[in-house]
Amino acid sequence: MIKKLGWIALLVILCTLTLSDIYSGMSEPDILQPTHPTFMSVFILIGDLLNIIACITIVLRKYIFNPRFWQVALACQITLFILVHYYEFTAGGYSTNDMLTLSTISFWTALVLFLPLLKCSFDKSIAKNTTHLSQG
């Protein structure tokens, strides 16, 4: 029960952060917009939504995709994480020490936020309990 409450709390945090990111993307002035290309923002949004879906499947214990799908989603999220930090660093405005500090804090935060993808990717019980979409 306590584990389920932890996953529910993480789900609420993920939903709040995703909604906040969408709102800030719509309302911030251009000077404060991210330095990465727009297509990366779309992929980040898709990755965030997949992360939310992974957390929902853990809470409901209704796994709809096999672990291989979640491993690909996790690899994409990690790649996007690295690319976003690369674009932030190459855009200027940060010293190397600032970027190392920012990257370290971001890494540990991302590790916590990617827990649903990690669990869906490497939990052996999920492979046995996967429900295919055609089975309903």
Protein backbone atom coordinates (compact mmCIF):
# COMPACT_ATOMS: atom_id res chain seq x y z
CA MET A 1 0.00 0.00 0.00
CA ILE A 2 2.82 2.42 0.86
CA LYS A 3 4.58 1.63 -2.43
CA LYS A 4 1.37 2.40 -4.29
CA LEU A 5 1.07 5.74 -2.49
CA GLY A 6 4.64 6.53 -3.50
CA TRP A 7 3.84 5.81 -7.16
CA ILE A 8 0.66 7.90 -6.91
CA ALA A 9 2.67 10.79 -5.42
CA LEU A 10 5.21 10.48 -8.24
CA LEU A 11 2.35 10.43 -10.76
CA VAL A 12 0.97 13.67 -9.33
CA ILE A 13 4.44 15.24 -9.48
CA LEU A 14 4.95 14.10 -13.08
CA CYS A 15 1.55 15.44 -14.16
CA THR A 16 2.15 18.74 -12.40
CA LEU A 17 5.59 19.18 -13.96
CA THR A 18 4.32 18.28 -17.44
CA LEU A 19 1.40 20.69 -17.20
CA SER A 20 3.72 23.39 -15.87
CA ASP A 21 6.10 22.80 -18.78
CA ILE A 22 3.25 23.07 -21.30
CA TYR A 23 1.96 26.26 -19.68
CA SER A 24 5.39 27.87 -19.53
CA GLY A 25 6.01 26.95 -23.16
CA MET A 26 2.85 28.78 -24.16
CA SER A 27 3.21 31.85 -21.95
CA GLU A 28 6.93 32.66 -21.69
CA PRO A 29 8.44 35.37 -23.87
CA ASP A 30 10.76 34.29 -26.66
CA ILE A 31 13.88 35.36 -24.79
CA LEU A 32 13.13 32.80 -22.05
CA GLN A 33 12.25 29.93 -24.39
CA PRO A 34 14.56 26.90 -24.46
CA THR A 35 17.57 26.97 -26.77
CA HIS A 36 16.92 23.54 -28.28
CA PRO A 37 14.94 23.16 -31.53
CA THR A 38 11.15 22.92 -31.51
CA PHE A 39 11.10 19.29 -32.66
CA MET A 40 13.02 18.37 -29.50
CA SER A 41 10.31 20.03 -27.41
CA VAL A 42 7.76 17.81 -29.13
CA PHE A 43 9.84 14.70 -28.39
CA ILE A 44 10.27 15.82 -24.79
CA LEU A 45 6.50 16.18 -24.44
CA ILE A 46 5.95 12.72 -25.93
CA GLY A 47 8.59 11.30 -23.58
CA ASP A 48 6.94 12.97 -20.60
CA LEU A 49 3.58 11.53 -21.58
CA LEU A 50 5.10 8.05 -21.94
CA ASN A 51 6.61 8.47 -18.49
CA ILE A 52 3.17 9.36 -17.11
CA ILE A 53 1.65 6.34 -18.86
CA ALA A 54 4.35 4.13 -17.35
CA CYS A 55 3.53 5.46 -13.89
CA ILE A 56 -0.20 4.90 -14.44
CA THR A 57 0.44 1.32 -15.52
CA ILE A 58 2.47 0.72 -12.35
CA VAL A 59 -0.25 2.19 -10.13
CA LEU A 60 -3.04 0.22 -11.83
CA ARG A 61 -0.89 -2.90 -12.40
CA LYS A 62 -2.24 -3.09 -15.92
CA TYR A 63 0.81 -3.30 -18.16
CA ILE A 64 -0.03 -2.58 -21.79
CA PHE A 65 3.41 -2.64 -23.39
CA ASN A 66 6.23 -5.12 -23.07
CA PRO A 67 9.52 -4.18 -21.38
CA ARG A 68 11.30 -3.77 -24.74
CA PHE A 69 9.02 -0.81 -25.58
CA TRP A 70 9.81 0.82 -22.23
CA GLN A 71 13.54 0.24 -22.73
CA VAL A 72 13.35 2.13 -26.04
CA ALA A 73 11.35 4.91 -24.36
CA LEU A 74 13.94 5.11 -21.58
CA ALA A 75 16.81 5.26 -24.09
CA CYS A 76 15.02 8.08 -25.93
CA GLN A 77 14.47 10.00 -22.68
CA ILE A 78 18.15 9.69 -21.75
CA THR A 79 19.20 10.81 -25.23
CA LEU A 80 16.88 13.81 -25.04
CA PHE A 81 18.22 14.65 -21.58
CA ILE A 82 21.78 14.70 -22.91
CA LEU A 83 20.86 16.68 -26.03
CA VAL A 84 18.98 19.34 -24.07
CA HIS A 85 21.96 19.85 -21.80
CA TYR A 86 24.25 20.00 -24.83
CA TYR A 87 22.13 22.73 -26.43
CA GLU A 88 21.99 24.67 -23.16
CA PHE A 89 25.77 24.55 -22.80
CA THR A 90 26.56 25.44 -26.41
CA ALA A 91 24.10 28.37 -26.41
CA GLY A 92 26.39 30.20 -24.00
CA GLY A 93 25.59 32.06 -20.85
CA TYR A 94 26.84 29.29 -18.56
CA SER A 95 30.35 28.75 -17.32
CA THR A 96 31.68 25.21 -17.16
CA ASN A 97 31.28 25.12 -13.37
CA ASP A 98 27.68 26.34 -13.63
CA MET A 99 26.89 23.69 -16.22
CA LEU A 100 28.49 20.92 -14.17
CA THR A 101 26.44 21.93 -11.13
CA LEU A 102 23.25 22.21 -13.19
CA SER A 103 23.89 18.85 -14.88
CA THR A 104 24.56 17.08 -11.58
CA ILE A 105 21.35 18.37 -10.02
CA SER A 106 19.42 17.61 -13.22
CA PHE A 107 20.86 14.08 -13.38
CA TRP A 108 19.67 13.14 -9.88
CA THR A 109 16.29 14.78 -10.44
CA ALA A 110 15.88 12.95 -13.76
CA LEU A 111 16.85 9.67 -12.13
CA VAL A 112 13.93 10.04 -9.70
CA LEU A 113 11.53 11.21 -12.41
CA PHE A 114 12.50 8.35 -14.75
CA LEU A 115 11.74 5.70 -12.10
CA PRO A 116 8.49 4.59 -13.81
CA LEU A 117 10.37 3.98 -17.06
CA LEU A 118 13.14 2.17 -15.20
CA LYS A 119 10.64 -0.08 -13.40
CA CYS A 120 8.68 -0.86 -16.57
CA SER A 121 11.92 -1.52 -18.46
CA PHE A 122 13.62 -3.91 -16.08
CA ASP A 123 10.97 -5.45 -13.82
CA LYS A 124 10.70 -9.16 -14.65
CA SER A 125 7.12 -9.45 -13.39
CA ILE A 126 5.92 -6.96 -16.00
CA ALA A 127 6.93 -9.23 -18.87
CA LYS A 128 4.66 -11.96 -17.50
CA ASN A 129 1.72 -9.64 -16.81
CA THR A 130 1.70 -7.66 -20.06
CA THR A 131 -1.75 -7.20 -21.54
CA HIS A 132 -1.81 -6.64 -25.26
CA LEU A 133 -4.05 -3.85 -26.47
CA SER A 134 -6.11 -6.30 -28.54
CA GLN A 135 -6.98 -8.30 -25.40
CA GLY A 136 -8.58 -5.23 -23.75
